[in-house]
Amino acid sequence: MRYREVPKNEVISTLGGHGWHFRGEELGDRAWTLRFVLAPAHAGEAVREGASRHRIAAELGGAEPDERGRYRLDLSQYADLDPAEVRAAADVAGWSITGSDPASAGNVLLLSRSGGRARVVGSDRLDWARGRHEHWTKQFNRQVVLAFAYGIVGLLVLFATLGSFDPGDGSRFYVMLAIAIVLLCLLAVAVLKAMGVRRKRHAEIGGLLDPSGRAKADG
């Protein structure tokens, strides 16, 4: 999240130019981690081609179309791949090559979604799961704070009432006792709402979460 203003595909492309190859991602409560490995400087051509295939698959898998429904693929990042391999990678990721940018001398391809429809892939699901995870976390935390406040105040009022008043004081005792009971009922309501939030969260994104509560990176 230190670089949240930088698009994911730009991070992958930039690090790829320095020999770092994308290997997956992990979404947690406070961080979104992209994992890379560094190819050895003496790696052979086959290793470099394999790394390029992984990088282009990662870039196209996480790419988003612009306002015109196109994505610009910079081929200078994949100079070791032939056109057939680039086209195959685009097909697998659900993109179609529609042409090239005339100003790029053929180094930038223009892609659009196959069939004219956006396909939800791994990173898209992670983006969505992350947003929903944050939504449900805020809802849950709100109920926890309310439950804590109701519980503390309710118990203080209850103990003060029992310690300072007795039924013989008439309405003062019963009013204070009623206030304490209302606060403790609100505590129970907040706890039930918090439990309901957890159930809704699990029903909506439970399939994308591992046992530790983090979104799976395998899509």
Protein backbone atom coordinates (compact mmCIF):
# COMPACT_ATOMS: atom_id res chain seq x y z
CA MET A 1 0.00 0.00 0.00
CA ARG A 2 3.05 2.31 0.05
CA TYR A 3 2.60 2.64 -3.72
CA ARG A 4 -1.19 2.53 -3.96
CA GLU A 5 -1.19 5.36 -6.49
CA VAL A 6 0.85 3.24 -8.94
CA PRO A 7 -1.19 0.78 -11.09
CA LYS A 8 -0.39 -2.85 -10.43
CA ASN A 9 0.57 -3.60 -14.03
CA GLU A 10 2.98 -0.65 -13.98
CA VAL A 11 4.67 -2.03 -10.85
CA ILE A 12 5.01 -5.43 -12.53
CA SER A 13 6.35 -3.89 -15.73
CA THR A 14 8.84 -1.63 -13.94
CA LEU A 15 10.25 -4.38 -11.75
CA GLY A 16 10.29 -6.73 -14.73
CA GLY A 17 12.67 -4.37 -16.47
CA HIS A 18 15.10 -4.90 -13.59
CA GLY A 19 14.94 -8.69 -13.61
CA TRP A 20 12.20 -9.13 -11.00
CA HIS A 21 9.44 -11.50 -12.08
CA PHE A 22 5.91 -11.51 -10.69
CA ARG A 23 4.97 -14.69 -8.83
CA GLY A 24 1.69 -13.89 -7.09
CA GLU A 25 0.01 -11.64 -4.56
CA GLU A 26 -1.41 -11.76 -1.07
CA LEU A 27 -4.18 -9.60 0.40
CA GLY A 28 -4.22 -9.02 4.16
CA ASP A 29 -6.08 -6.75 6.55
CA ARG A 30 -3.55 -3.91 6.24
CA ALA A 31 -1.40 -4.77 3.23
CA TRP A 32 -1.58 -5.91 -0.37
CA THR A 33 1.66 -7.71 -1.17
CA LEU A 34 2.95 -8.47 -4.65
CA ARG A 35 5.59 -11.22 -4.68
CA PHE A 36 8.53 -11.25 -7.08
CA VAL A 37 11.62 -13.38 -7.65
CA LEU A 38 14.91 -12.16 -9.11
CA ALA A 39 16.21 -14.13 -12.10
CA PRO A 40 19.97 -14.84 -11.96
CA ALA A 41 22.07 -12.49 -14.09
CA HIS A 42 23.57 -15.47 -15.90
CA ALA A 43 20.21 -17.04 -16.75
CA GLY A 44 20.09 -18.55 -20.20
CA GLU A 45 17.79 -17.59 -23.02
CA ALA A 46 15.25 -20.28 -22.13
CA VAL A 47 15.04 -18.99 -18.55
CA ARG A 48 14.62 -15.40 -19.73
CA GLU A 49 11.89 -16.40 -22.18
CA GLY A 50 10.11 -18.32 -19.46
CA ALA A 51 10.30 -15.30 -17.16
CA SER A 52 8.91 -13.08 -19.92
CA ARG A 53 6.01 -15.44 -20.45
CA HIS A 54 5.19 -15.25 -16.74
CA ARG A 55 5.48 -11.46 -16.76
CA ILE A 56 3.26 -10.94 -19.78
CA ALA A 57 0.70 -13.37 -18.37
CA ALA A 58 0.72 -11.46 -15.08
CA GLU A 59 0.45 -8.07 -16.79
CA LEU A 60 -2.41 -9.09 -19.07
CA GLY A 61 -4.16 -10.98 -16.29
CA GLY A 62 -4.28 -7.84 -14.16
CA ALA A 63 -4.76 -5.31 -16.97
CA GLU A 64 -7.78 -3.02 -17.11
CA PRO A 65 -9.11 -1.38 -20.29
CA ASP A 66 -9.03 2.41 -20.57
CA GLU A 67 -12.09 4.60 -21.17
CA ARG A 68 -12.06 3.51 -24.82
CA GLY A 69 -12.05 -0.17 -23.89
CA ARG A 70 -8.42 -0.67 -24.95
CA TYR A 71 -5.20 -1.71 -23.26
CA ARG A 72 -1.74 -0.67 -24.47
CA LEU A 73 0.87 -3.43 -24.30
CA ASP A 74 4.49 -2.27 -24.48
CA LEU A 75 6.36 -4.93 -26.44
CA SER A 76 9.76 -3.48 -25.48
CA GLN A 77 9.29 -5.26 -22.15
CA TYR A 78 9.00 -8.61 -23.96
CA ALA A 79 11.53 -8.31 -26.77
CA ASP A 80 12.54 -11.97 -26.37
CA LEU A 81 9.03 -13.24 -27.21
CA ASP A 82 7.91 -13.75 -30.79
CA PRO A 83 4.53 -12.39 -32.04
CA ALA A 84 2.88 -15.81 -31.79
CA GLU A 85 3.74 -16.09 -28.08
CA VAL A 86 2.44 -12.58 -27.42
CA ARG A 87 -0.82 -13.36 -29.23
CA ALA A 88 -1.18 -16.63 -27.31
CA ALA A 89 -0.69 -14.83 -23.99
CA ALA A 90 -3.32 -12.27 -24.98
CA ASP A 91 -5.79 -15.00 -25.96
CA VAL A 92 -5.35 -16.84 -22.66
CA ALA A 93 -5.95 -13.63 -20.68
CA GLY A 94 -9.09 -12.84 -22.67
CA TRP A 95 -7.67 -10.06 -24.86
CA SER A 96 -7.69 -9.59 -28.63
CA ILE A 97 -4.99 -7.69 -30.52
CA THR A 98 -6.76 -5.01 -32.54
CA GLY A 99 -3.74 -3.14 -33.90
CA SER A 100 -0.75 -1.10 -32.85
CA ASP A 101 -0.13 2.50 -31.92
CA PRO A 102 1.05 4.26 -35.11
CA ALA A 103 3.34 6.53 -33.08
CA SER A 104 5.18 3.59 -31.48
CA ALA A 105 6.69 2.05 -34.63
CA GLY A 106 4.91 -1.19 -33.77
CA ASN A 107 6.28 -1.39 -30.21
CA VAL A 108 2.90 -0.81 -28.53
CA LEU A 109 -0.01 -3.13 -29.26
CA LEU A 110 -3.64 -2.11 -28.79
CA LEU A 111 -5.77 -4.79 -27.14
CA SER A 112 -9.46 -5.12 -26.37
CA ARG A 113 -11.41 -7.68 -24.41
CA SER A 114 -12.35 -10.76 -26.41
CA GLY A 115 -16.04 -10.75 -27.31
CA GLY A 116 -16.36 -7.16 -26.10
CA ARG A 117 -16.89 -8.14 -22.48
CA ALA A 118 -14.66 -7.84 -19.46
CA ARG A 119 -13.67 -11.11 -17.90
CA VAL A 120 -13.18 -11.40 -14.16
CA VAL A 121 -9.74 -12.88 -13.50
CA GLY A 122 -7.61 -13.39 -10.39
CA SER A 123 -6.58 -9.82 -9.72
CA ASP A 124 -10.10 -8.50 -10.40
CA ARG A 125 -11.49 -10.88 -7.82
CA LEU A 126 -8.82 -9.79 -5.36
CA ASP A 127 -9.69 -6.13 -5.92
CA TRP A 128 -13.35 -6.86 -5.31
CA ALA A 129 -12.66 -9.12 -2.30
CA ARG A 130 -10.39 -6.52 -0.77
CA GLY A 131 -13.06 -3.83 -1.06
CA ARG A 132 -15.75 -6.05 0.43
CA HIS A 133 -13.39 -7.24 3.16
CA GLU A 134 -12.73 -3.64 4.18
CA HIS A 135 -16.46 -2.87 4.08
CA TRP A 136 -17.38 -5.75 6.39
CA THR A 137 -14.41 -5.03 8.69
CA LYS A 138 -15.63 -1.46 9.20
CA GLN A 139 -19.15 -2.70 9.92
CA PHE A 140 -17.86 -5.27 12.40
CA ASN A 141 -15.53 -2.83 14.16
CA ARG A 142 -18.37 -0.31 14.52
CA GLN A 143 -20.54 -2.85 16.32
CA VAL A 144 -17.64 -3.90 18.55
CA VAL A 145 -17.04 -0.28 19.60
CA LEU A 146 -20.75 0.21 20.30
CA ALA A 147 -20.91 -3.04 22.29
CA PHE A 148 -17.90 -1.99 24.35
CA ALA A 149 -19.39 1.45 25.07
CA TYR A 150 -22.83 0.10 25.96
CA GLY A 151 -21.33 -2.59 28.17
CA ILE A 152 -19.03 -0.26 30.13
CA VAL A 153 -21.65 2.45 30.67
CA GLY A 154 -24.42 -0.04 31.37
CA LEU A 155 -22.41 -1.88 34.02
CA LEU A 156 -21.31 1.39 35.63
CA VAL A 157 -24.92 2.59 35.84
CA LEU A 158 -26.07 -0.78 37.16
CA PHE A 159 -23.42 -0.96 39.89
CA ALA A 160 -24.00 2.70 40.82
CA THR A 161 -27.72 2.06 41.05
CA LEU A 162 -27.36 -1.06 43.21
CA GLY A 163 -24.71 0.58 45.38
CA SER A 164 -26.31 3.97 45.89
CA PHE A 165 -30.03 3.36 45.72
CA ASP A 166 -32.56 0.81 46.90
CA PRO A 167 -36.21 0.16 45.98
CA GLY A 168 -37.23 2.39 48.85
CA ASP A 169 -35.95 5.40 46.95
CA GLY A 170 -38.88 5.05 44.64
CA SER A 171 -38.74 6.28 41.06
CA ARG A 172 -35.04 7.24 41.19
CA PHE A 173 -34.05 3.62 41.74
CA TYR A 174 -36.29 2.23 39.02
CA VAL A 175 -35.35 4.91 36.48
CA MET A 176 -31.64 4.26 36.97
CA LEU A 177 -32.25 0.50 36.86
CA ALA A 178 -34.23 0.90 33.62
CA ILE A 179 -31.41 2.93 32.07
CA ALA A 180 -28.90 0.22 32.97
CA ILE A 181 -31.14 -2.51 31.52
CA VAL A 182 -31.63 -0.56 28.27
CA LEU A 183 -27.88 -0.08 27.89
CA LEU A 184 -27.22 -3.78 28.49
CA CYS A 185 -29.91 -4.66 25.94
CA LEU A 186 -28.18 -2.40 23.44
CA LEU A 187 -24.97 -4.28 24.26
CA ALA A 188 -26.68 -7.56 23.35
CA VAL A 189 -28.05 -6.03 20.13
CA ALA A 190 -24.59 -4.78 19.10
CA VAL A 191 -23.09 -8.23 19.76
CA LEU A 192 -25.79 -9.89 17.66
CA LYS A 193 -25.24 -7.38 14.85
CA ALA A 194 -21.49 -8.03 14.95
CA MET A 195 -22.13 -11.75 14.65
CA GLY A 196 -24.49 -11.05 11.76
CA VAL A 197 -21.83 -9.00 9.99
CA ARG A 198 -19.36 -11.88 10.29
CA ARG A 199 -21.93 -14.30 8.85
CA LYS A 200 -22.70 -11.98 5.92
CA ARG A 201 -18.99 -11.47 5.27
CA HIS A 202 -18.40 -15.20 5.19
CA ALA A 203 -21.40 -15.77 2.93
CA GLU A 204 -20.22 -13.14 0.46
CA ILE A 205 -16.43 -13.62 0.32
CA GLY A 206 -15.79 -16.70 2.43
CA GLY A 207 -15.00 -18.71 -0.69
CA LEU A 208 -12.13 -16.33 -1.48
CA LEU A 209 -10.62 -16.42 1.99
CA ASP A 210 -8.17 -18.87 3.50
CA PRO A 211 -8.34 -20.01 7.16
CA SER A 212 -6.26 -17.02 8.28
CA GLY A 213 -8.85 -14.60 6.91
CA ARG A 214 -6.82 -13.32 3.99
CA ALA A 215 -7.93 -13.33 0.40
CA LYS A 216 -6.53 -16.14 -1.69
CA ALA A 217 -4.15 -15.07 -4.40
CA ASP A 218 -4.84 -17.96 -6.70
CA GLY A 219 -8.04 -16.49 -8.07
